[in-house]
PDB file of N, CA and C in Angstrom:
ATOM      1  N   UNK A   1      50.845  11.950  27.125  1.00  0.00           N
ATOM      2  CA  UNK A   1      51.216  13.305  26.748  1.00  0.00           C
ATOM      3  C   UNK A   1      50.197  13.847  25.750  1.00  0.00           C
ATOM      4  N   UNK A   2      49.667  15.011  26.031  1.00  0.00           N
ATOM      5  CA  UNK A   2      48.673  15.645  25.166  1.00  0.00           C
ATOM      6  C   UNK A   2      49.368  16.636  24.233  1.00  0.00           C
ATOM      7  N   UNK A   3      49.180  16.448  22.959  1.00  0.00           N
ATOM      8  CA  UNK A   3      49.787  17.349  21.977  1.00  0.00           C
ATOM      9  C   UNK A   3      48.716  18.320  21.496  1.00  0.00           C
ATOM     10  N   UNK A   4      48.985  19.606  21.649  1.00  0.00           N
ATOM     11  CA  UNK A   4      48.067  20.628  21.167  1.00  0.00           C
ATOM     12  C   UNK A   4      48.559  21.098  19.810  1.00  0.00           C
ATOM     13  N   UNK A   5      47.676  21.051  18.860  1.00  0.00           N
ATOM     14  CA  UNK A   5      48.020  21.513  17.515  1.00  0.00           C
ATOM     15  C   UNK A   5      47.880  23.030  17.450  1.00  0.00           C
ATOM     16  N   UNK A   6      48.574  23.674  16.527  1.00  0.00           N
ATOM     17  CA  UNK A   6      48.434  25.123  16.397  1.00  0.00           C
ATOM     18  C   UNK A   6      47.005  25.479  15.970  1.00  0.00           C
ATOM     19  N   UNK A   7      46.575  26.659  16.376  1.00  0.00           N
ATOM     20  CA  UNK A   7      45.236  27.122  16.009  1.00  0.00           C
ATOM     21  C   UNK A   7      45.142  27.260  14.489  1.00  0.00           C
ATOM     22  N   UNK A   8      44.018  26.850  13.918  1.00  0.00           N
ATOM     23  CA  UNK A   8      43.851  26.998  12.466  1.00  0.00           C
ATOM     24  C   UNK A   8      43.761  28.474  12.082  1.00  0.00           C
ATOM     25  N   UNK A   9      44.225  28.784  10.897  1.00  0.00           N
ATOM     26  CA  UNK A   9      44.179  30.153  10.378  1.00  0.00           C
ATOM     27  C   UNK A   9      42.805  30.354   9.727  1.00  0.00           C
ATOM     28  N   UNK A  10      41.853  30.676  10.555  1.00  0.00           N
ATOM     29  CA  UNK A  10      40.453  30.712  10.159  1.00  0.00           C
ATOM     30  C   UNK A  10      39.885  32.083  10.494  1.00  0.00           C
ATOM     31  N   UNK A  11      39.143  32.644   9.552  1.00  0.00           N
ATOM     32  CA  UNK A  11      38.507  33.953   9.763  1.00  0.00           C
ATOM     33  C   UNK A  11      37.036  33.861   9.394  1.00  0.00           C
ATOM     34  N   UNK A  12      36.264  34.767   9.966  1.00  0.00           N
ATOM     35  CA  UNK A  12      34.849  34.914   9.633  1.00  0.00           C
ATOM     36  C   UNK A  12      34.642  36.290   9.014  1.00  0.00           C
ATOM     37  N   UNK A  13      33.744  36.341   8.022  1.00  0.00           N
ATOM     38  CA  UNK A  13      33.515  37.607   7.351  1.00  0.00           C
ATOM     39  C   UNK A  13      32.142  37.575   6.697  1.00  0.00           C
ATOM     40  N   UNK A  14      31.440  38.693   6.749  1.00  0.00           N
ATOM     41  CA  UNK A  14      30.160  38.762   6.044  1.00  0.00           C
ATOM     42  C   UNK A  14      30.414  38.745   4.539  1.00  0.00           C
ATOM     43  N   UNK A  15      29.542  38.099   3.826  1.00  0.00           N
ATOM     44  CA  UNK A  15      29.670  38.009   2.368  1.00  0.00           C
ATOM     45  C   UNK A  15      29.595  39.390   1.721  1.00  0.00           C
ATOM     46  N   UNK A  16      29.017  40.348   2.427  1.00  0.00           N
ATOM     47  CA  UNK A  16      28.848  41.703   1.891  1.00  0.00           C
ATOM     48  C   UNK A  16      30.068  42.584   2.123  1.00  0.00           C
ATOM     49  N   UNK A  17      31.026  42.110   2.923  1.00  0.00           N
ATOM     50  CA  UNK A  17      32.247  42.873   3.177  1.00  0.00           C
ATOM     51  C   UNK A  17      33.182  42.775   1.976  1.00  0.00           C
ATOM     52  N   UNK A  18      34.022  43.788   1.779  1.00  0.00           N
ATOM     53  CA  UNK A  18      34.936  43.760   0.625  1.00  0.00           C
ATOM     54  C   UNK A  18      35.932  42.594   0.686  1.00  0.00           C
ATOM     55  N   UNK A  19      36.319  42.129  -0.468  1.00  0.00           N
ATOM     56  CA  UNK A  19      37.361  41.106  -0.585  1.00  0.00           C
ATOM     57  C   UNK A  19      38.684  41.742  -0.158  1.00  0.00           C
ATOM     58  N   UNK A  20      39.478  40.992   0.585  1.00  0.00           N
ATOM     59  CA  UNK A  20      40.799  41.473   1.004  1.00  0.00           C
ATOM     60  C   UNK A  20      41.872  40.536   0.456  1.00  0.00           C
ATOM     61  N   UNK A  21      43.043  41.082   0.198  1.00  0.00           N
ATOM     62  CA  UNK A  21      44.147  40.287  -0.335  1.00  0.00           C
ATOM     63  C   UNK A  21      44.561  39.161   0.600  1.00  0.00           C
ATOM     64  N   UNK A  22      44.347  39.345   1.917  1.00  0.00           N
ATOM     65  CA  UNK A  22      44.795  38.345   2.880  1.00  0.00           C
ATOM     66  C   UNK A  22      43.666  37.410   3.351  1.00  0.00           C
ATOM     67  N   UNK A  23      42.589  37.328   2.594  1.00  0.00           N
ATOM     68  CA  UNK A  23      41.473  36.435   2.956  1.00  0.00           C
ATOM     69  C   UNK A  23      41.836  34.959   2.821  1.00  0.00           C
ATOM     70  N   UNK A  24      42.779  34.644   1.984  1.00  0.00           N
ATOM     71  CA  UNK A  24      43.091  33.232   1.727  1.00  0.00           C
ATOM     72  C   UNK A  24      41.964  32.595   0.937  1.00  0.00           C
ATOM     73  N   UNK A  25      41.696  31.326   1.208  1.00  0.00           N
ATOM     74  CA  UNK A  25      40.592  30.635   0.531  1.00  0.00           C
ATOM     75  C   UNK A  25      39.281  31.200   1.064  1.00  0.00           C
ATOM     76  N   UNK A  26      38.411  31.625   0.172  1.00  0.00           N
ATOM     77  CA  UNK A  26      37.123  32.222   0.557  1.00  0.00           C
ATOM     78  C   UNK A  26      36.022  31.190   0.333  1.00  0.00           C
ATOM     79  N   UNK A  27      35.355  30.802   1.432  1.00  0.00           N
ATOM     80  CA  UNK A  27      34.362  29.726   1.375  1.00  0.00           C
ATOM     81  C   UNK A  27      33.024  30.238   1.896  1.00  0.00           C
ATOM     82  N   UNK A  28      32.031  30.247   1.027  1.00  0.00           N
ATOM     83  CA  UNK A  28      30.673  30.599   1.436  1.00  0.00           C
ATOM     84  C   UNK A  28      30.067  29.374   2.102  1.00  0.00           C
ATOM     85  N   UNK A  29      29.616  29.544   3.368  1.00  0.00           N
ATOM     86  CA  UNK A  29      29.126  28.403   4.139  1.00  0.00           C
ATOM     87  C   UNK A  29      27.617  28.474   4.379  1.00  0.00           C
ATOM     88  N   UNK A  30      26.912  29.275   3.598  1.00  0.00           N
ATOM     89  CA  UNK A  30      25.457  29.361   3.674  1.00  0.00           C
ATOM     90  C   UNK A  30      24.834  28.490   2.587  1.00  0.00           C
ATOM     91  N   UNK A  31      23.660  27.955   2.887  1.00  0.00           N
ATOM     92  CA  UNK A  31      22.935  27.149   1.909  1.00  0.00           C
ATOM     93  C   UNK A  31      22.315  28.030   0.817  1.00  0.00           C
ATOM     94  N   UNK A  32      21.956  29.262   1.203  1.00  0.00           N
ATOM     95  CA  UNK A  32      21.331  30.202   0.273  1.00  0.00           C
ATOM     96  C   UNK A  32      22.342  31.252  -0.159  1.00  0.00           C
ATOM     97  N   UNK A  33      22.251  31.662  -1.427  1.00  0.00           N
ATOM     98  CA  UNK A  33      23.141  32.695  -1.947  1.00  0.00           C
ATOM     99  C   UNK A  33      22.778  34.033  -1.307  1.00  0.00           C
ATOM    100  N   UNK A  34      23.770  34.855  -0.926  1.00  0.00           N
ATOM    101  CA  UNK A  34      23.478  36.159  -0.321  1.00  0.00           C
ATOM    102  C   UNK A  34      22.730  37.076  -1.298  1.00  0.00           C
ATOM    103  N   UNK A  35      21.667  37.672  -0.819  1.00  0.00           N
ATOM    104  CA  UNK A  35      20.842  38.542  -1.665  1.00  0.00           C
ATOM    105  C   UNK A  35      21.635  39.722  -2.185  1.00  0.00           C
ATOM    106  N   UNK A  36      21.445  39.994  -3.468  1.00  0.00           N
ATOM    107  CA  UNK A  36      22.021  41.183  -4.065  1.00  0.00           C
ATOM    108  C   UNK A  36      23.506  41.114  -4.358  1.00  0.00           C
ATOM    109  N   UNK A  37      24.115  39.959  -4.223  1.00  0.00           N
ATOM    110  CA  UNK A  37      25.558  39.815  -4.459  1.00  0.00           C
ATOM    111  C   UNK A  37      25.765  39.035  -5.757  1.00  0.00           C
ATOM    112  N   UNK A  38      26.578  39.603  -6.638  1.00  0.00           N
ATOM    113  CA  UNK A  38      26.906  38.904  -7.884  1.00  0.00           C
ATOM    114  C   UNK A  38      27.975  37.853  -7.602  1.00  0.00           C
ATOM    115  N   UNK A  39      27.863  36.730  -8.283  1.00  0.00           N
ATOM    116  CA  UNK A  39      28.813  35.630  -8.039  1.00  0.00           C
ATOM    117  C   UNK A  39      30.259  36.064  -8.236  1.00  0.00           C
ATOM    118  N   UNK A  40      30.527  36.854  -9.258  1.00  0.00           N
ATOM    119  CA  UNK A  40      31.894  37.297  -9.524  1.00  0.00           C
ATOM    120  C   UNK A  40      32.447  38.171  -8.397  1.00  0.00           C
ATOM    121  N   UNK A  41      31.573  38.893  -7.701  1.00  0.00           N
ATOM    122  CA  UNK A  41      32.028  39.819  -6.663  1.00  0.00           C
ATOM    123  C   UNK A  41      32.572  39.116  -5.419  1.00  0.00           C
ATOM    124  N   UNK A  42      32.138  37.885  -5.171  1.00  0.00           N
ATOM    125  CA  UNK A  42      32.581  37.194  -3.957  1.00  0.00           C
ATOM    126  C   UNK A  42      33.978  36.599  -4.076  1.00  0.00           C
ATOM    127  N   UNK A  43      34.456  36.375  -5.281  1.00  0.00           N
ATOM    128  CA  UNK A  43      35.796  35.784  -5.479  1.00  0.00           C
ATOM    129  C   UNK A  43      35.947  34.515  -4.641  1.00  0.00           C
ATOM    130  N   UNK A  44      34.976  33.622  -4.773  1.00  0.00           N
ATOM    131  CA  UNK A  44      34.942  32.405  -3.973  1.00  0.00           C
ATOM    132  C   UNK A  44      35.963  31.372  -4.417  1.00  0.00           C
ATOM    133  N   UNK A  45      36.488  30.675  -3.454  1.00  0.00           N
ATOM    134  CA  UNK A  45      37.248  29.459  -3.692  1.00  0.00           C
ATOM    135  C   UNK A  45      36.265  28.297  -3.777  1.00  0.00           C
ATOM    136  N   UNK A  46      35.230  28.366  -2.925  1.00  0.00           N
ATOM    137  CA  UNK A  46      34.291  27.255  -2.808  1.00  0.00           C
ATOM    138  C   UNK A  46      32.981  27.738  -2.196  1.00  0.00           C
ATOM    139  N   UNK A  47      31.862  27.253  -2.731  1.00  0.00           N
ATOM    140  CA  UNK A  47      30.562  27.447  -2.088  1.00  0.00           C
ATOM    141  C   UNK A  47      30.200  26.084  -1.506  1.00  0.00           C
ATOM    142  N   UNK A  48      30.329  25.947  -0.208  1.00  0.00           N
ATOM    143  CA  UNK A  48      30.146  24.666   0.471  1.00  0.00           C
ATOM    144  C   UNK A  48      28.759  24.627   1.126  1.00  0.00           C
ATOM    145  N   UNK A  49      27.727  24.599   0.287  1.00  0.00           N
ATOM    146  CA  UNK A  49      26.330  24.595   0.752  1.00  0.00           C
ATOM    147  C   UNK A  49      26.062  23.467   1.734  1.00  0.00           C
ATOM    148  N   UNK A  50      26.666  22.312   1.459  1.00  0.00           N
ATOM    149  CA  UNK A  50      26.344  21.118   2.247  1.00  0.00           C
ATOM    150  C   UNK A  50      26.835  21.174   3.689  1.00  0.00           C
ATOM    151  N   UNK A  51      27.644  22.180   4.031  1.00  0.00           N
ATOM    152  CA  UNK A  51      28.082  22.298   5.433  1.00  0.00           C
ATOM    153  C   UNK A  51      27.136  23.189   6.232  1.00  0.00           C
ATOM    154  N   UNK A  52      26.245  23.857   5.557  1.00  0.00           N
ATOM    155  CA  UNK A  52      25.285  24.740   6.227  1.00  0.00           C
ATOM    156  C   UNK A  52      24.284  23.919   7.041  1.00  0.00           C
ATOM    157  N   UNK A  53      23.651  24.562   8.028  1.00  0.00           N
ATOM    158  CA  UNK A  53      22.611  23.849   8.778  1.00  0.00           C
ATOM    159  C   UNK A  53      21.489  23.400   7.844  1.00  0.00           C
ATOM    160  N   UNK A  54      20.807  22.343   8.227  1.00  0.00           N
ATOM    161  CA  UNK A  54      19.676  21.868   7.433  1.00  0.00           C
ATOM    162  C   UNK A  54      18.629  22.979   7.323  1.00  0.00           C
ATOM    163  N   UNK A  55      17.822  22.904   6.281  1.00  0.00           N
ATOM    164  CA  UNK A  55      16.767  23.900   6.086  1.00  0.00           C
ATOM    165  C   UNK A  55      15.842  23.940   7.297  1.00  0.00           C
ATOM    166  N   UNK A  56      15.539  22.771   7.847  1.00  0.00           N
ATOM    167  CA  UNK A  56      14.642  22.709   9.002  1.00  0.00           C
ATOM    168  C   UNK A  56      15.248  23.427  10.208  1.00  0.00           C
ATOM    169  N   UNK A  57      16.533  23.197  10.464  1.00  0.00           N
ATOM    170  CA  UNK A  57      17.194  23.827  11.605  1.00  0.00           C
ATOM    171  C   UNK A  57      17.308  25.332  11.387  1.00  0.00           C
ATOM    172  N   UNK A  58      17.658  25.728  10.188  1.00  0.00           N
ATOM    173  CA  UNK A  58      17.792  27.154   9.879  1.00  0.00           C
ATOM    174  C   UNK A  58      16.461  27.877  10.089  1.00  0.00           C
ATOM    175  N   UNK A  59      15.381  27.272   9.610  1.00  0.00           N
ATOM    176  CA  UNK A  59      14.063  27.898   9.771  1.00  0.00           C
ATOM    177  C   UNK A  59      13.649  27.939  11.237  1.00  0.00           C
ATOM    178  N   UNK A  60      13.915  26.871  11.986  1.00  0.00           N
ATOM    179  CA  UNK A  60      13.577  26.845  13.406  1.00  0.00           C
ATOM    180  C   UNK A  60      14.318  27.952  14.155  1.00  0.00           C
ATOM    181  N   UNK A  61      15.607  28.106  13.874  1.00  0.00           N
ATOM    182  CA  UNK A  61      16.433  29.106  14.544  1.00  0.00           C
ATOM    183  C   UNK A  61      15.941  30.519  14.242  1.00  0.00           C
ATOM    184  N   UNK A  62      15.726  30.816  12.967  1.00  0.00           N
ATOM    185  CA  UNK A  62      15.231  32.130  12.574  1.00  0.00           C
ATOM    186  C   UNK A  62      16.087  33.294  13.055  1.00  0.00           C
ATOM    187  N   UNK A  63      17.353  33.054  13.340  1.00  0.00           N
ATOM    188  CA  UNK A  63      18.295  34.080  13.817  1.00  0.00           C
ATOM    189  C   UNK A  63      17.815  34.746  15.096  1.00  0.00           C
ATOM    190  N   UNK A  64      17.147  33.980  15.944  1.00  0.00           N
ATOM    191  CA  UNK A  64      16.684  34.470  17.248  1.00  0.00           C
ATOM    192  C   UNK A  64      17.789  34.192  18.276  1.00  0.00           C
ATOM    193  N   UNK A  65      18.406  35.242  18.832  1.00  0.00           N
ATOM    194  CA  UNK A  65      19.492  35.028  19.791  1.00  0.00           C
ATOM    195  C   UNK A  65      19.109  34.111  20.962  1.00  0.00           C
ATOM    196  N   UNK A  66      17.860  34.146  21.389  1.00  0.00           N
ATOM    197  CA  UNK A  66      17.434  33.300  22.509  1.00  0.00           C
ATOM    198  C   UNK A  66      17.508  31.812  22.167  1.00  0.00           C
ATOM    199  N   UNK A  67      17.499  31.480  20.894  1.00  0.00           N
ATOM    200  CA  UNK A  67      17.572  30.090  20.460  1.00  0.00           C
ATOM    201  C   UNK A  67      18.991  29.662  20.083  1.00  0.00           C
ATOM    202  N   UNK A  68      19.945  30.575  20.191  1.00  0.00           N
ATOM    203  CA  UNK A  68      21.287  30.297  19.671  1.00  0.00           C
ATOM    204  C   UNK A  68      21.973  29.116  20.353  1.00  0.00           C
ATOM    205  N   UNK A  69      21.848  29.011  21.659  1.00  0.00           N
ATOM    206  CA  UNK A  69      22.524  27.910  22.360  1.00  0.00           C
ATOM    207  C   UNK A  69      22.000  26.553  21.869  1.00  0.00           C
ATOM    208  N   UNK A  70      20.697  26.423  21.772  1.00  0.00           N
ATOM    209  CA  UNK A  70      20.111  25.162  21.286  1.00  0.00           C
ATOM    210  C   UNK A  70      20.421  24.962  19.808  1.00  0.00           C
ATOM    211  N   UNK A  71      20.386  26.036  19.024  1.00  0.00           N
ATOM    212  CA  UNK A  71      20.761  25.961  17.613  1.00  0.00           C
ATOM    213  C   UNK A  71      22.189  25.429  17.483  1.00  0.00           C
ATOM    214  N   UNK A  72      23.095  25.969  18.300  1.00  0.00           N
ATOM    215  CA  UNK A  72      24.503  25.553  18.259  1.00  0.00           C
ATOM    216  C   UNK A  72      24.642  24.064  18.548  1.00  0.00           C
ATOM    217  N   UNK A  73      23.936  23.591  19.560  1.00  0.00           N
ATOM    218  CA  UNK A  73      23.998  22.174  19.912  1.00  0.00           C
ATOM    219  C   UNK A  73      23.510  21.310  18.752  1.00  0.00           C
ATOM    220  N   UNK A  74      22.382  21.682  18.180  1.00  0.00           N
ATOM    221  CA  UNK A  74      21.813  20.900  17.066  1.00  0.00           C
ATOM    222  C   UNK A  74      22.692  20.962  15.819  1.00  0.00           C
ATOM    223  N   UNK A  75      23.249  22.139  15.549  1.00  0.00           N
ATOM    224  CA  UNK A  75      24.099  22.280  14.357  1.00  0.00           C
ATOM    225  C   UNK A  75      25.389  21.474  14.520  1.00  0.00           C
ATOM    226  N   UNK A  76      25.974  21.484  15.717  1.00  0.00           N
ATOM    227  CA  UNK A  76      27.180  20.666  15.943  1.00  0.00           C
ATOM    228  C   UNK A  76      26.875  19.184  15.726  1.00  0.00           C
ATOM    229  N   UNK A  77      25.689  18.746  16.119  1.00  0.00           N
ATOM    230  CA  UNK A  77      25.302  17.351  15.876  1.00  0.00           C
ATOM    231  C   UNK A  77      25.200  17.093  14.370  1.00  0.00           C
ATOM    232  N   UNK A  78      24.664  18.047  13.627  1.00  0.00           N
ATOM    233  CA  UNK A  78      24.620  17.888  12.167  1.00  0.00           C
ATOM    234  C   UNK A  78      26.034  17.842  11.588  1.00  0.00           C
ATOM    235  N   UNK A  79      26.921  18.677  12.103  1.00  0.00           N
ATOM    236  CA  UNK A  79      28.305  18.677  11.618  1.00  0.00           C
ATOM    237  C   UNK A  79      28.993  17.349  11.915  1.00  0.00           C
ATOM    238  N   UNK A  80      28.718  16.780  13.092  1.00  0.00           N
ATOM    239  CA  UNK A  80      29.295  15.478  13.430  1.00  0.00           C
ATOM    240  C   UNK A  80      28.906  14.413  12.409  1.00  0.00           C
ATOM    241  N   UNK A  81      27.721  14.542  11.841  1.00  0.00           N
ATOM    242  CA  UNK A  81      27.219  13.571  10.869  1.00  0.00           C
ATOM    243  C   UNK A  81      27.586  13.948   9.432  1.00  0.00           C
ATOM    244  N   UNK A  82      28.294  15.056   9.265  1.00  0.00           N
ATOM    245  CA  UNK A  82      28.579  15.590   7.931  1.00  0.00           C
ATOM    246  C   UNK A  82      30.087  15.567   7.667  1.00  0.00           C
ATOM    247  N   UNK A  83      30.677  14.383   7.812  1.00  0.00           N
ATOM    248  CA  UNK A  83      32.124  14.249   7.716  1.00  0.00           C
ATOM    249  C   UNK A  83      32.745  14.711   6.413  1.00  0.00           C
ATOM    250  N   UNK A  84      32.076  14.481   5.288  1.00  0.00           N
ATOM    251  CA  UNK A  84      32.662  14.855   3.995  1.00  0.00           C
ATOM    252  C   UNK A  84      32.867  16.364   3.873  1.00  0.00           C
ATOM    253  N   UNK A  85      31.846  17.137   4.228  1.00  0.00           N
ATOM    254  CA  UNK A  85      31.951  18.593   4.113  1.00  0.00           C
ATOM    255  C   UNK A  85      32.965  19.145   5.107  1.00  0.00           C
ATOM    256  N   UNK A  86      32.966  18.623   6.320  1.00  0.00           N
ATOM    257  CA  UNK A  86      33.931  19.064   7.328  1.00  0.00           C
ATOM    258  C   UNK A  86      35.352  18.752   6.850  1.00  0.00           C
ATOM    259  N   UNK A  87      35.534  17.576   6.276  1.00  0.00           N
ATOM    260  CA  UNK A  87      36.855  17.176   5.775  1.00  0.00           C
ATOM    261  C   UNK A  87      37.337  18.115   4.663  1.00  0.00           C
ATOM    262  N   UNK A  88      36.425  18.597   3.838  1.00  0.00           N
ATOM    263  CA  UNK A  88      36.821  19.535   2.765  1.00  0.00           C
ATOM    264  C   UNK A  88      37.377  20.823   3.358  1.00  0.00           C
ATOM    265  N   UNK A  89      36.741  21.323   4.408  1.00  0.00           N
ATOM    266  CA  UNK A  89      37.264  22.540   5.054  1.00  0.00           C
ATOM    267  C   UNK A  89      38.594  22.267   5.746  1.00  0.00           C
ATOM    268  N   UNK A  90      38.689  21.132   6.415  1.00  0.00           N
ATOM    269  CA  UNK A  90      39.945  20.789   7.085  1.00  0.00           C
ATOM    270  C   UNK A  90      41.083  20.671   6.071  1.00  0.00           C
ATOM    271  N   UNK A  91      40.795  20.137   4.920  1.00  0.00           N
ATOM    272  CA  UNK A  91      41.811  20.020   3.867  1.00  0.00           C
ATOM    273  C   UNK A  91      42.250  21.400   3.391  1.00  0.00           C
ATOM    274  N   UNK A  92      41.305  22.295   3.181  1.00  0.00           N
ATOM    275  CA  UNK A  92      41.653  23.664   2.773  1.00  0.00           C
ATOM    276  C   UNK A  92      42.535  24.340   3.824  1.00  0.00           C
ATOM    277  N   UNK A  93      42.231  24.109   5.083  1.00  0.00           N
ATOM    278  CA  UNK A  93      42.996  24.737   6.161  1.00  0.00           C
ATOM    279  C   UNK A  93      44.449  24.246   6.221  1.00  0.00           C
ATOM    280  N   UNK A  94      44.717  23.082   5.671  1.00  0.00           N
ATOM    281  CA  UNK A  94      46.099  22.577   5.621  1.00  0.00           C
ATOM    282  C   UNK A  94      46.975  23.428   4.707  1.00  0.00           C
ATOM    283  N   UNK A  95      46.338  24.184   3.810  1.00  0.00           N
ATOM    284  CA  UNK A  95      47.072  24.952   2.810  1.00  0.00           C
ATOM    285  C   UNK A  95      47.128  26.442   3.124  1.00  0.00           C
ATOM    286  N   UNK A  96      46.608  26.840   4.291  1.00  0.00           N
ATOM    287  CA  UNK A  96      46.684  28.253   4.668  1.00  0.00           C
ATOM    288  C   UNK A  96      45.354  28.792   5.150  1.00  0.00           C
ATOM    289  N   UNK A  97      45.275  30.105   5.203  1.00  0.00           N
ATOM    290  CA  UNK A  97      44.109  30.795   5.735  1.00  0.00           C
ATOM    291  C   UNK A  97      42.838  30.456   4.960  1.00  0.00           C
ATOM    292  N   UNK A  98      41.751  30.311   5.719  1.00  0.00           N
ATOM    293  CA  UNK A  98      40.428  30.131   5.159  1.00  0.00           C
ATOM    294  C   UNK A  98      39.509  31.171   5.787  1.00  0.00           C
ATOM    295  N   UNK A  99      38.781  31.887   4.948  1.00  0.00           N
ATOM    296  CA  UNK A  99      37.788  32.852   5.419  1.00  0.00           C
ATOM    297  C   UNK A  99      36.411  32.285   5.140  1.00  0.00           C
ATOM    298  N   UNK A 100      35.659  32.075   6.223  1.00  0.00           N
ATOM    299  CA  UNK A 100      34.288  31.576   6.113  1.00  0.00           C
ATOM    300  C   UNK A 100      33.362  32.767   5.898  1.00  0.00           C
ATOM    301  N   UNK A 101      32.627  32.732   4.807  1.00  0.00           N
ATOM    302  CA  UNK A 101      31.725  33.824   4.466  1.00  0.00           C
ATOM    303  C   UNK A 101      30.287  33.445   4.804  1.00  0.00           C
ATOM    304  N   UNK A 102      29.557  34.399   5.376  1.00  0.00           N
ATOM    305  CA  UNK A 102      28.160  34.193   5.741  1.00  0.00           C
ATOM    306  C   UNK A 102      27.381  35.470   5.423  1.00  0.00           C
ATOM    307  N   UNK A 103      26.059  35.361   5.306  1.00  0.00           N
ATOM    308  CA  UNK A 103      25.243  36.511   4.934  1.00  0.00           C
ATOM    309  C   UNK A 103      24.487  37.131   6.102  1.00  0.00           C
ATOM    310  N   UNK A 104      24.385  36.445   7.225  1.00  0.00           N
ATOM    311  CA  UNK A 104      23.587  36.927   8.358  1.00  0.00           C
ATOM    312  C   UNK A 104      24.019  38.322   8.811  1.00  0.00           C
ATOM    313  N   UNK A 105      23.058  39.101   9.273  1.00  0.00           N
ATOM    314  CA  UNK A 105      23.351  40.440   9.793  1.00  0.00           C
ATOM    315  C   UNK A 105      24.016  40.363  11.164  1.00  0.00           C
ATOM    316  N   UNK A 106      23.621  39.404  11.972  1.00  0.00           N
ATOM    317  CA  UNK A 106      24.122  39.256  13.340  1.00  0.00           C
ATOM    318  C   UNK A 106      25.452  38.500  13.297  1.00  0.00           C
ATOM    319  N   UNK A 107      26.510  39.212  13.637  1.00  0.00           N
ATOM    320  CA  UNK A 107      27.851  38.622  13.562  1.00  0.00           C
ATOM    321  C   UNK A 107      28.149  37.696  14.738  1.00  0.00           C
ATOM    322  N   UNK A 108      27.287  37.664  15.737  1.00  0.00           N
ATOM    323  CA  UNK A 108      27.511  36.859  16.934  1.00  0.00           C
ATOM    324  C   UNK A 108      26.685  35.580  16.962  1.00  0.00           C
ATOM    325  N   UNK A 109      25.491  35.631  16.398  1.00  0.00           N
ATOM    326  CA  UNK A 109      24.551  34.506  16.455  1.00  0.00           C
ATOM    327  C   UNK A 109      24.246  34.008  15.049  1.00  0.00           C
ATOM    328  N   UNK A 110      25.168  33.252  14.476  1.00  0.00           N
ATOM    329  CA  UNK A 110      24.942  32.691  13.142  1.00  0.00           C
ATOM    330  C   UNK A 110      25.695  31.368  12.995  1.00  0.00           C
ATOM    331  N   UNK A 111      25.387  30.652  11.932  1.00  0.00           N
ATOM    332  CA  UNK A 111      25.962  29.321  11.733  1.00  0.00           C
ATOM    333  C   UNK A 111      27.473  29.351  11.533  1.00  0.00           C
ATOM    334  N   UNK A 112      28.006  30.407  10.928  1.00  0.00           N
ATOM    335  CA  UNK A 112      29.455  30.474  10.700  1.00  0.00           C
ATOM    336  C   UNK A 112      30.213  30.560  12.025  1.00  0.00           C
ATOM    337  N   UNK A 113      29.638  31.205  13.024  1.00  0.00           N
ATOM    338  CA  UNK A 113      30.260  31.293  14.353  1.00  0.00           C
ATOM    339  C   UNK A 113      30.358  29.891  14.965  1.00  0.00           C
ATOM    340  N   UNK A 114      29.285  29.122  14.836  1.00  0.00           N
ATOM    341  CA  UNK A 114      29.277  27.755  15.361  1.00  0.00           C
ATOM    342  C   UNK A 114      30.287  26.901  14.594  1.00  0.00           C
ATOM    343  N   UNK A 115      30.294  27.023  13.277  1.00  0.00           N
ATOM    344  CA  UNK A 115      31.215  26.253  12.439  1.00  0.00           C
ATOM    345  C   UNK A 115      32.663  26.593  12.769  1.00  0.00           C
ATOM    346  N   UNK A 116      32.961  27.861  12.964  1.00  0.00           N
ATOM    347  CA  UNK A 116      34.308  28.293  13.326  1.00  0.00           C
ATOM    348  C   UNK A 116      34.755  27.620  14.627  1.00  0.00           C
ATOM    349  N   UNK A 117      33.920  27.680  15.656  1.00  0.00           N
ATOM    350  CA  UNK A 117      34.256  27.069  16.951  1.00  0.00           C
ATOM    351  C   UNK A 117      34.393  25.554  16.815  1.00  0.00           C
ATOM    352  N   UNK A 118      33.530  24.951  16.033  1.00  0.00           N
ATOM    353  CA  UNK A 118      33.560  23.501  15.807  1.00  0.00           C
ATOM    354  C   UNK A 118      34.885  23.087  15.153  1.00  0.00           C
ATOM    355  N   UNK A 119      35.273  23.787  14.109  1.00  0.00           N
ATOM    356  CA  UNK A 119      36.527  23.474  13.403  1.00  0.00           C
ATOM    357  C   UNK A 119      37.738  23.691  14.303  1.00  0.00           C
ATOM    358  N   UNK A 120      37.737  24.791  15.035  1.00  0.00           N
ATOM    359  CA  UNK A 120      38.860  25.068  15.929  1.00  0.00           C
ATOM    360  C   UNK A 120      39.016  23.962  16.970  1.00  0.00           C
ATOM    361  N   UNK A 121      37.911  23.545  17.547  1.00  0.00           N
ATOM    362  CA  UNK A 121      37.966  22.492  18.558  1.00  0.00           C
ATOM    363  C   UNK A 121      38.502  21.190  17.950  1.00  0.00           C
ATOM    364  N   UNK A 122      38.035  20.832  16.773  1.00  0.00           N
ATOM    365  CA  UNK A 122      38.500  19.597  16.105  1.00  0.00           C
ATOM    366  C   UNK A 122      39.987  19.694  15.781  1.00  0.00           C
ATOM    367  N   UNK A 123      40.387  20.793  15.196  1.00  0.00           N
ATOM    368  CA  UNK A 123      41.753  20.910  14.702  1.00  0.00           C
ATOM    369  C   UNK A 123      42.773  21.186  15.808  1.00  0.00           C
ATOM    370  N   UNK A 124      42.312  21.669  16.932  1.00  0.00           N
ATOM    371  CA  UNK A 124      43.222  21.878  18.056  1.00  0.00           C
ATOM    372  C   UNK A 124      43.268  20.653  18.951  1.00  0.00           C
ATOM    373  N   UNK A 125      42.589  19.577  18.527  1.00  0.00           N
ATOM    374  CA  UNK A 125      42.668  18.320  19.245  1.00  0.00           C
ATOM    375  C   UNK A 125      41.827  18.245  20.503  1.00  0.00           C
ATOM    376  N   UNK A 126      40.807  19.088  20.596  1.00  0.00           N
ATOM    377  CA  UNK A 126      39.979  19.117  21.800  1.00  0.00           C
ATOM    378  C   UNK A 126      38.642  18.435  21.591  1.00  0.00           C
ATOM    379  N   UNK A 127      38.421  17.816  20.451  1.00  0.00           N
ATOM    380  CA  UNK A 127      37.110  17.255  20.157  1.00  0.00           C
ATOM    381  C   UNK A 127      37.215  15.762  19.978  1.00  0.00           C
TER     382      UNK A 127
END
């Protein structure tokens, strides 16, 4: 018998978007601080730099949509090897909504999108 767990209460949001009362735990998942944003303005629960893609992978990707599929594959492999950081996010999700914050302009082709799908697959028992 296969048991499907409920979908995690996970949201994605640009770091430049306004803080909302229903954001829950706000976690910045970029290795670099968003340009022009004051630390107090983000109202962060956690800056989880170590869950971001490696500097080498981030530079290789360069936010080029044509490289996104390969970037996603490589980043998921990095996440598989990064159990401590993944476990921290999974623990936060046990306590309610988590909003993953990212700085990229492209809302479709960025590391937070890959991380969101990765977490959902793990927590819904499909990984």
